[in-house]
Amino acid sequence: MAFFVPDFNDFFIELASNNNKDWFDVNRKRYEENVREPFKNFVGHIISEIAKKDKAFKDLEVKDCIFRINRDIRFSKDKTPYKMQVSAVVAPEGKKSKAINGVYFELGPEHLRVYGGIYEIDKEDLLDVREAIANDPKKFKKIISNKAFVEMFGEIHGAKNKIIPKHLKESAEKEPLIFNKQWYFYTEYNSEVILQDDLDKIILNCYKVGKPVEKFFNDIIKR
């Protein structure tokens, strides 16, 4: 049985040309019945499936994982009030996680995207990650070059610094990812998969394939 009905995508398609509070208020019940509540149930299902094998997820609550559909427009030129997808991060600290340490996914009419890795990191942890890569570049390269990882996610992405500590420069010439200040990865699927019965298996498989990279980072910084 599918987790979402076709109106899940249709709601966002119509929202795209009616992104205002008046339209949303008229369609609020539709949003609650076909988008919000099914997504809550789906996120709860993903949490319970991961928690079966990892106790760190056992006490995680759905409300701590789901991001609001309302956009933060305070400092944005784009004043449309609503996002064009729903999203959640299933990680031991939920939305408070500075790095994913689990799986982040967003569902909308354009795509399903699933992410992992490090997106935000403080200065001390940044240095620790860079030094760990420099100290064992072969291990890091082996993990991110794993066939299953490459086939699913391709490569590591992230913003870089032009200047890094001097003691890392020689290593960074051999492994350019040391220049990174983010190390994240993602894969994208056609939005049609959102209506499939195996949507949960797709996301859980992404989590499984990305886990060795997550473990590499978690052995360095306790996220």
C-alpha atoms as a PDB file:
ATOM      1  CA  MET A   1       0.000   0.000   0.000  1.00  0.00           C
ATOM      2  CA  ALA A   2       1.356   3.437  -0.942  1.00  0.00           C
ATOM      3  CA  PHE A   3       2.101   5.964   1.782  1.00  0.00           C
ATOM      4  CA  PHE A   4       0.779   8.952  -0.210  1.00  0.00           C
ATOM      5  CA  VAL A   5      -2.143   9.578  -2.564  1.00  0.00           C
ATOM      6  CA  PRO A   6      -1.759  11.443  -5.902  1.00  0.00           C
ATOM      7  CA  ASP A   7      -3.107  14.641  -4.353  1.00  0.00           C
ATOM      8  CA  PHE A   8       0.128  14.880  -2.350  1.00  0.00           C
ATOM      9  CA  ASN A   9       1.963  16.011  -5.489  1.00  0.00           C
ATOM     10  CA  ASP A  10      -1.073  17.780  -6.947  1.00  0.00           C
ATOM     11  CA  PHE A  11      -1.346  19.980  -3.864  1.00  0.00           C
ATOM     12  CA  PHE A  12       2.181  21.342  -4.371  1.00  0.00           C
ATOM     13  CA  ILE A  13       1.718  21.711  -8.131  1.00  0.00           C
ATOM     14  CA  GLU A  14      -1.287  23.961  -7.490  1.00  0.00           C
ATOM     15  CA  LEU A  15       0.498  25.734  -4.633  1.00  0.00           C
ATOM     16  CA  ALA A  16       3.260  26.757  -7.046  1.00  0.00           C
ATOM     17  CA  SER A  17       0.953  29.233  -8.781  1.00  0.00           C
ATOM     18  CA  ASN A  18      -1.056  30.081  -5.654  1.00  0.00           C
ATOM     19  CA  ASN A  19       1.628  30.516  -3.029  1.00  0.00           C
ATOM     20  CA  ASN A  20      -0.280  32.776  -0.662  1.00  0.00           C
ATOM     21  CA  LYS A  21      -2.076  32.479   2.673  1.00  0.00           C
ATOM     22  CA  ASP A  22      -5.575  32.921   1.243  1.00  0.00           C
ATOM     23  CA  TRP A  23      -5.245  29.941  -1.088  1.00  0.00           C
ATOM     24  CA  PHE A  24      -3.544  27.869   1.592  1.00  0.00           C
ATOM     25  CA  ASP A  25      -6.298  28.586   4.107  1.00  0.00           C
ATOM     26  CA  VAL A  26      -8.957  27.465   1.622  1.00  0.00           C
ATOM     27  CA  ASN A  27      -6.965  24.261   0.983  1.00  0.00           C
ATOM     28  CA  ARG A  28      -5.775  23.718   4.561  1.00  0.00           C
ATOM     29  CA  LYS A  29      -7.920  20.629   5.202  1.00  0.00           C
ATOM     30  CA  ARG A  30      -6.663  19.119   1.977  1.00  0.00           C
ATOM     31  CA  TYR A  31      -3.077  19.852   3.085  1.00  0.00           C
ATOM     32  CA  GLU A  32      -3.664  18.288   6.493  1.00  0.00           C
ATOM     33  CA  GLU A  33      -5.314  15.138   5.129  1.00  0.00           C
ATOM     34  CA  ASN A  34      -3.149  14.437   2.072  1.00  0.00           C
ATOM     35  CA  VAL A  35       0.202  16.003   2.954  1.00  0.00           C
ATOM     36  CA  ARG A  36       0.849  16.756   6.629  1.00  0.00           C
ATOM     37  CA  GLU A  37      -0.633  13.718   8.356  1.00  0.00           C
ATOM     38  CA  PRO A  38       0.590  11.116   5.818  1.00  0.00           C
ATOM     39  CA  PHE A  39       4.061  12.630   6.032  1.00  0.00           C
ATOM     40  CA  LYS A  40       4.017  12.468   9.825  1.00  0.00           C
ATOM     41  CA  ASN A  41       3.032   8.806   9.639  1.00  0.00           C
ATOM     42  CA  PHE A  42       5.717   8.120   7.062  1.00  0.00           C
ATOM     43  CA  VAL A  43       8.466   9.763   9.120  1.00  0.00           C
ATOM     44  CA  GLY A  44       7.324   7.792  12.155  1.00  0.00           C
ATOM     45  CA  HIS A  45       7.587   4.611  10.110  1.00  0.00           C
ATOM     46  CA  ILE A  46      11.148   5.457   8.974  1.00  0.00           C
ATOM     47  CA  ILE A  47      12.174   6.185  12.567  1.00  0.00           C
ATOM     48  CA  SER A  48      10.794   2.867  13.797  1.00  0.00           C
ATOM     49  CA  GLU A  49      12.515   0.921  11.009  1.00  0.00           C
ATOM     50  CA  ILE A  50      15.912   2.483  11.718  1.00  0.00           C
ATOM     51  CA  ALA A  51      15.430   2.127  15.491  1.00  0.00           C
ATOM     52  CA  LYS A  52      15.096  -1.650  15.078  1.00  0.00           C
ATOM     53  CA  LYS A  53      18.828  -1.786  14.349  1.00  0.00           C
ATOM     54  CA  ASP A  54      20.104   1.371  16.060  1.00  0.00           C
ATOM     55  CA  LYS A  55      19.050   2.168  19.635  1.00  0.00           C
ATOM     56  CA  ALA A  56      20.186   5.787  19.235  1.00  0.00           C
ATOM     57  CA  PHE A  57      16.949   6.371  17.291  1.00  0.00           C
ATOM     58  CA  LYS A  58      14.685   4.623  19.823  1.00  0.00           C
ATOM     59  CA  ASP A  59      13.376   7.736  21.619  1.00  0.00           C
ATOM     60  CA  LEU A  60      13.311  10.005  18.582  1.00  0.00           C
ATOM     61  CA  GLU A  61       9.968  11.745  18.072  1.00  0.00           C
ATOM     62  CA  VAL A  62       8.400  12.685  14.743  1.00  0.00           C
ATOM     63  CA  LYS A  63       7.843  16.316  15.782  1.00  0.00           C
ATOM     64  CA  ASP A  64      11.573  16.728  16.349  1.00  0.00           C
ATOM     65  CA  CYS A  65      12.379  15.600  12.800  1.00  0.00           C
ATOM     66  CA  ILE A  66       9.925  17.396  10.514  1.00  0.00           C
ATOM     67  CA  PHE A  67      10.624  20.874   9.181  1.00  0.00           C
ATOM     68  CA  ARG A  68       7.834  23.429   8.928  1.00  0.00           C
ATOM     69  CA  ILE A  69       6.251  24.063   5.537  1.00  0.00           C
ATOM     70  CA  ASN A  70       6.407  27.804   6.254  1.00  0.00           C
ATOM     71  CA  ARG A  71       9.410  29.565   4.729  1.00  0.00           C
ATOM     72  CA  ASP A  72      11.558  31.984   6.710  1.00  0.00           C
ATOM     73  CA  ILE A  73      11.061  35.109   4.606  1.00  0.00           C
ATOM     74  CA  ARG A  74      12.570  37.660   7.005  1.00  0.00           C
ATOM     75  CA  PHE A  75      15.779  38.120   5.030  1.00  0.00           C
ATOM     76  CA  SER A  76      14.683  36.736   1.665  1.00  0.00           C
ATOM     77  CA  LYS A  77      13.751  38.579  -1.505  1.00  0.00           C
ATOM     78  CA  ASP A  78      11.345  35.735  -2.242  1.00  0.00           C
ATOM     79  CA  LYS A  79       8.336  36.456  -0.019  1.00  0.00           C
ATOM     80  CA  THR A  80       6.263  33.406  -0.944  1.00  0.00           C
ATOM     81  CA  PRO A  81       5.234  31.964   2.418  1.00  0.00           C
ATOM     82  CA  TYR A  82       5.304  28.209   1.774  1.00  0.00           C
ATOM     83  CA  LYS A  83       7.895  25.655   0.734  1.00  0.00           C
ATOM     84  CA  MET A  84       7.319  23.489  -2.315  1.00  0.00           C
ATOM     85  CA  GLN A  85       8.073  20.244  -0.504  1.00  0.00           C
ATOM     86  CA  VAL A  86       7.988  18.563   2.884  1.00  0.00           C
ATOM     87  CA  SER A  87      11.218  17.494   4.539  1.00  0.00           C
ATOM     88  CA  ALA A  88      12.566  15.747   7.599  1.00  0.00           C
ATOM     89  CA  VAL A  89      15.875  14.705   9.121  1.00  0.00           C
ATOM     90  CA  VAL A  90      15.821  11.368  10.908  1.00  0.00           C
ATOM     91  CA  ALA A  91      18.864  11.575  13.159  1.00  0.00           C
ATOM     92  CA  PRO A  92      19.359  11.042  16.914  1.00  0.00           C
ATOM     93  CA  GLU A  93      19.071  14.792  17.555  1.00  0.00           C
ATOM     94  CA  GLY A  94      16.467  15.417  14.869  1.00  0.00           C
ATOM     95  CA  LYS A  95      16.428  18.975  13.540  1.00  0.00           C
ATOM     96  CA  LYS A  96      18.955  19.994  16.200  1.00  0.00           C
ATOM     97  CA  SER A  97      21.593  17.853  14.521  1.00  0.00           C
ATOM     98  CA  LYS A  98      24.431  19.974  13.139  1.00  0.00           C
ATOM     99  CA  ALA A  99      25.214  17.117  10.803  1.00  0.00           C
ATOM    100  CA  ILE A 100      22.824  14.537   9.527  1.00  0.00           C
ATOM    101  CA  ASN A 101      24.158  11.394  11.214  1.00  0.00           C
ATOM    102  CA  GLY A 102      21.141   9.608   9.830  1.00  0.00           C
ATOM    103  CA  VAL A 103      19.137  10.539   6.752  1.00  0.00           C
ATOM    104  CA  TYR A 104      17.516  13.728   5.460  1.00  0.00           C
ATOM    105  CA  PHE A 105      14.846  13.567   2.777  1.00  0.00           C
ATOM    106  CA  GLU A 106      12.552  15.969   0.982  1.00  0.00           C
ATOM    107  CA  LEU A 107       9.453  15.045  -1.022  1.00  0.00           C
ATOM    108  CA  GLY A 108       7.797  17.267  -3.590  1.00  0.00           C
ATOM    109  CA  PRO A 109       6.366  17.311  -7.122  1.00  0.00           C
ATOM    110  CA  GLU A 110       9.801  17.903  -8.664  1.00  0.00           C
ATOM    111  CA  HIS A 111      11.718  15.093  -6.967  1.00  0.00           C
ATOM    112  CA  LEU A 112      12.543  12.959  -3.985  1.00  0.00           C
ATOM    113  CA  ARG A 113      15.995  13.822  -2.655  1.00  0.00           C
ATOM    114  CA  VAL A 114      17.862  11.932   0.045  1.00  0.00           C
ATOM    115  CA  TYR A 115      20.931  13.414   1.757  1.00  0.00           C
ATOM    116  CA  GLY A 116      23.671  12.409   4.177  1.00  0.00           C
ATOM    117  CA  GLY A 117      26.968  13.726   5.507  1.00  0.00           C
ATOM    118  CA  ILE A 118      28.098  16.972   7.142  1.00  0.00           C
ATOM    119  CA  TYR A 119      26.495  20.280   6.248  1.00  0.00           C
ATOM    120  CA  GLU A 120      27.269  22.432   9.310  1.00  0.00           C
ATOM    121  CA  ILE A 121      30.273  22.009  11.566  1.00  0.00           C
ATOM    122  CA  ASP A 122      32.046  24.091  14.204  1.00  0.00           C
ATOM    123  CA  LYS A 123      35.653  25.225  13.912  1.00  0.00           C
ATOM    124  CA  GLU A 124      37.173  22.599  16.212  1.00  0.00           C
ATOM    125  CA  ASP A 125      35.342  19.687  14.602  1.00  0.00           C
ATOM    126  CA  LEU A 126      36.201  21.008  11.145  1.00  0.00           C
ATOM    127  CA  LEU A 127      39.904  20.762  11.958  1.00  0.00           C
ATOM    128  CA  ASP A 128      39.453  17.275  13.438  1.00  0.00           C
ATOM    129  CA  VAL A 129      37.751  16.002  10.271  1.00  0.00           C
ATOM    130  CA  ARG A 130      40.396  17.502   8.004  1.00  0.00           C
ATOM    131  CA  GLU A 131      43.204  16.024  10.072  1.00  0.00           C
ATOM    132  CA  ALA A 132      41.536  12.605  10.126  1.00  0.00           C
ATOM    133  CA  ILE A 133      41.292  12.603   6.339  1.00  0.00           C
ATOM    134  CA  ALA A 134      44.912  13.735   6.073  1.00  0.00           C
ATOM    135  CA  ASN A 135      46.076  11.059   8.527  1.00  0.00           C
ATOM    136  CA  ASP A 136      44.366   8.209   6.708  1.00  0.00           C
ATOM    137  CA  PRO A 137      43.540   9.329   3.152  1.00  0.00           C
ATOM    138  CA  LYS A 138      43.446   5.747   1.849  1.00  0.00           C
ATOM    139  CA  LYS A 139      40.694   4.776   4.295  1.00  0.00           C
ATOM    140  CA  PHE A 140      38.637   7.848   3.405  1.00  0.00           C
ATOM    141  CA  LYS A 141      39.140   7.320  -0.316  1.00  0.00           C
ATOM    142  CA  LYS A 142      38.162   3.670  -0.051  1.00  0.00           C
ATOM    143  CA  ILE A 143      34.881   4.516   1.694  1.00  0.00           C
ATOM    144  CA  ILE A 144      33.789   7.263  -0.715  1.00  0.00           C
ATOM    145  CA  SER A 145      34.904   5.166  -3.700  1.00  0.00           C
ATOM    146  CA  ASN A 146      32.825   2.166  -2.667  1.00  0.00           C
ATOM    147  CA  LYS A 147      30.875   0.939  -5.684  1.00  0.00           C
ATOM    148  CA  ALA A 148      27.463   1.056  -4.007  1.00  0.00           C
ATOM    149  CA  PHE A 149      28.105   4.570  -2.665  1.00  0.00           C
ATOM    150  CA  VAL A 150      29.285   5.907  -6.020  1.00  0.00           C
ATOM    151  CA  GLU A 151      26.397   4.329  -7.911  1.00  0.00           C
ATOM    152  CA  MET A 152      23.875   5.856  -5.544  1.00  0.00           C
ATOM    153  CA  PHE A 153      25.383   9.203  -4.520  1.00  0.00           C
ATOM    154  CA  GLY A 154      28.176   9.876  -7.005  1.00  0.00           C
ATOM    155  CA  GLU A 155      30.559  12.036  -5.004  1.00  0.00           C
ATOM    156  CA  ILE A 156      31.019  14.188  -1.934  1.00  0.00           C
ATOM    157  CA  HIS A 157      29.802  17.787  -2.282  1.00  0.00           C
ATOM    158  CA  GLY A 158      30.363  20.886  -0.173  1.00  0.00           C
ATOM    159  CA  ALA A 159      31.691  24.420   0.055  1.00  0.00           C
ATOM    160  CA  LYS A 160      35.464  24.797   0.326  1.00  0.00           C
ATOM    161  CA  ASN A 161      37.958  27.123   1.977  1.00  0.00           C
ATOM    162  CA  LYS A 162      40.746  28.568  -0.145  1.00  0.00           C
ATOM    163  CA  ILE A 163      42.987  28.824   2.911  1.00  0.00           C
ATOM    164  CA  ILE A 164      43.595  25.917   5.302  1.00  0.00           C
ATOM    165  CA  PRO A 165      46.161  25.344   8.091  1.00  0.00           C
ATOM    166  CA  LYS A 166      49.711  25.052   6.763  1.00  0.00           C
ATOM    167  CA  HIS A 167      50.261  21.563   8.136  1.00  0.00           C
ATOM    168  CA  LEU A 168      47.420  20.267   5.941  1.00  0.00           C
ATOM    169  CA  LYS A 169      48.430  21.823   2.627  1.00  0.00           C
ATOM    170  CA  GLU A 170      50.637  18.976   1.434  1.00  0.00           C
ATOM    171  CA  SER A 171      47.938  16.395   2.198  1.00  0.00           C
ATOM    172  CA  ALA A 172      45.289  18.553   0.528  1.00  0.00           C
ATOM    173  CA  GLU A 173      47.255  18.534  -2.716  1.00  0.00           C
ATOM    174  CA  LYS A 174      46.732  14.768  -2.793  1.00  0.00           C
ATOM    175  CA  GLU A 175      43.179  14.813  -1.381  1.00  0.00           C
ATOM    176  CA  PRO A 176      41.362  18.041  -2.362  1.00  0.00           C
ATOM    177  CA  LEU A 177      38.371  17.211  -0.133  1.00  0.00           C
ATOM    178  CA  ILE A 178      40.500  18.396   2.793  1.00  0.00           C
ATOM    179  CA  PHE A 179      39.735  21.914   1.565  1.00  0.00           C
ATOM    180  CA  ASN A 180      36.038  21.245   2.166  1.00  0.00           C
ATOM    181  CA  LYS A 181      34.147  22.764   5.081  1.00  0.00           C
ATOM    182  CA  GLN A 182      31.144  20.594   4.227  1.00  0.00           C
ATOM    183  CA  TRP A 183      31.012  16.934   3.224  1.00  0.00           C
ATOM    184  CA  TYR A 184      27.536  15.985   2.101  1.00  0.00           C
ATOM    185  CA  PHE A 185      26.111  13.632  -0.502  1.00  0.00           C
ATOM    186  CA  TYR A 186      22.695  13.172  -2.052  1.00  0.00           C
ATOM    187  CA  THR A 187      20.714  11.268  -4.626  1.00  0.00           C
ATOM    188  CA  GLU A 188      17.583  12.227  -6.517  1.00  0.00           C
ATOM    189  CA  TYR A 189      14.580  10.268  -7.775  1.00  0.00           C
ATOM    190  CA  ASN A 190      11.637  11.139  -9.987  1.00  0.00           C
ATOM    191  CA  SER A 191       8.657  12.380  -7.960  1.00  0.00           C
ATOM    192  CA  GLU A 192       6.640   9.377  -9.149  1.00  0.00           C
ATOM    193  CA  VAL A 193       8.399   7.198  -6.568  1.00  0.00           C
ATOM    194  CA  ILE A 194       6.638   9.168  -3.811  1.00  0.00           C
ATOM    195  CA  LEU A 195       3.447   7.295  -4.727  1.00  0.00           C
ATOM    196  CA  GLN A 196       5.090   3.871  -4.788  1.00  0.00           C
ATOM    197  CA  ASP A 197       4.622   1.137  -2.205  1.00  0.00           C
ATOM    198  CA  ASP A 198       8.378   0.791  -1.716  1.00  0.00           C
ATOM    199  CA  LEU A 199       9.132   4.454  -0.939  1.00  0.00           C
ATOM    200  CA  ASP A 200      10.274   3.514   2.555  1.00  0.00           C
ATOM    201  CA  LYS A 201      12.651   0.869   1.202  1.00  0.00           C
ATOM    202  CA  ILE A 202      14.203   3.420  -1.175  1.00  0.00           C
ATOM    203  CA  ILE A 203      14.982   5.832   1.659  1.00  0.00           C
ATOM    204  CA  LEU A 204      16.123   3.105   4.043  1.00  0.00           C
ATOM    205  CA  ASN A 205      18.471   1.754   1.376  1.00  0.00           C
ATOM    206  CA  CYS A 206      19.945   5.238   0.914  1.00  0.00           C
ATOM    207  CA  TYR A 207      20.536   5.360   4.665  1.00  0.00           C
ATOM    208  CA  LYS A 208      22.208   1.945   4.562  1.00  0.00           C
ATOM    209  CA  VAL A 209      24.515   2.794   1.643  1.00  0.00           C
ATOM    210  CA  GLY A 210      25.537   6.123   3.174  1.00  0.00           C
ATOM    211  CA  LYS A 211      26.149   4.725   6.651  1.00  0.00           C
ATOM    212  CA  PRO A 212      29.859   3.818   6.215  1.00  0.00           C
ATOM    213  CA  VAL A 213      30.609   7.439   5.317  1.00  0.00           C
ATOM    214  CA  GLU A 214      28.556   8.587   8.296  1.00  0.00           C
ATOM    215  CA  LYS A 215      30.509   6.207  10.542  1.00  0.00           C
ATOM    216  CA  PHE A 216      33.818   7.612   9.309  1.00  0.00           C
ATOM    217  CA  PHE A 217      32.723  11.086  10.392  1.00  0.00           C
ATOM    218  CA  ASN A 218      31.143   9.871  13.635  1.00  0.00           C
ATOM    219  CA  ASP A 219      34.347   8.146  14.697  1.00  0.00           C
ATOM    220  CA  ILE A 220      36.005  11.571  14.532  1.00  0.00           C
ATOM    221  CA  ILE A 221      33.293  13.849  15.896  1.00  0.00           C
ATOM    222  CA  LYS A 222      30.490  12.631  18.121  1.00  0.00           C
ATOM    223  CA  ARG A 223      27.465  14.134  16.420  1.00  0.00           C
END
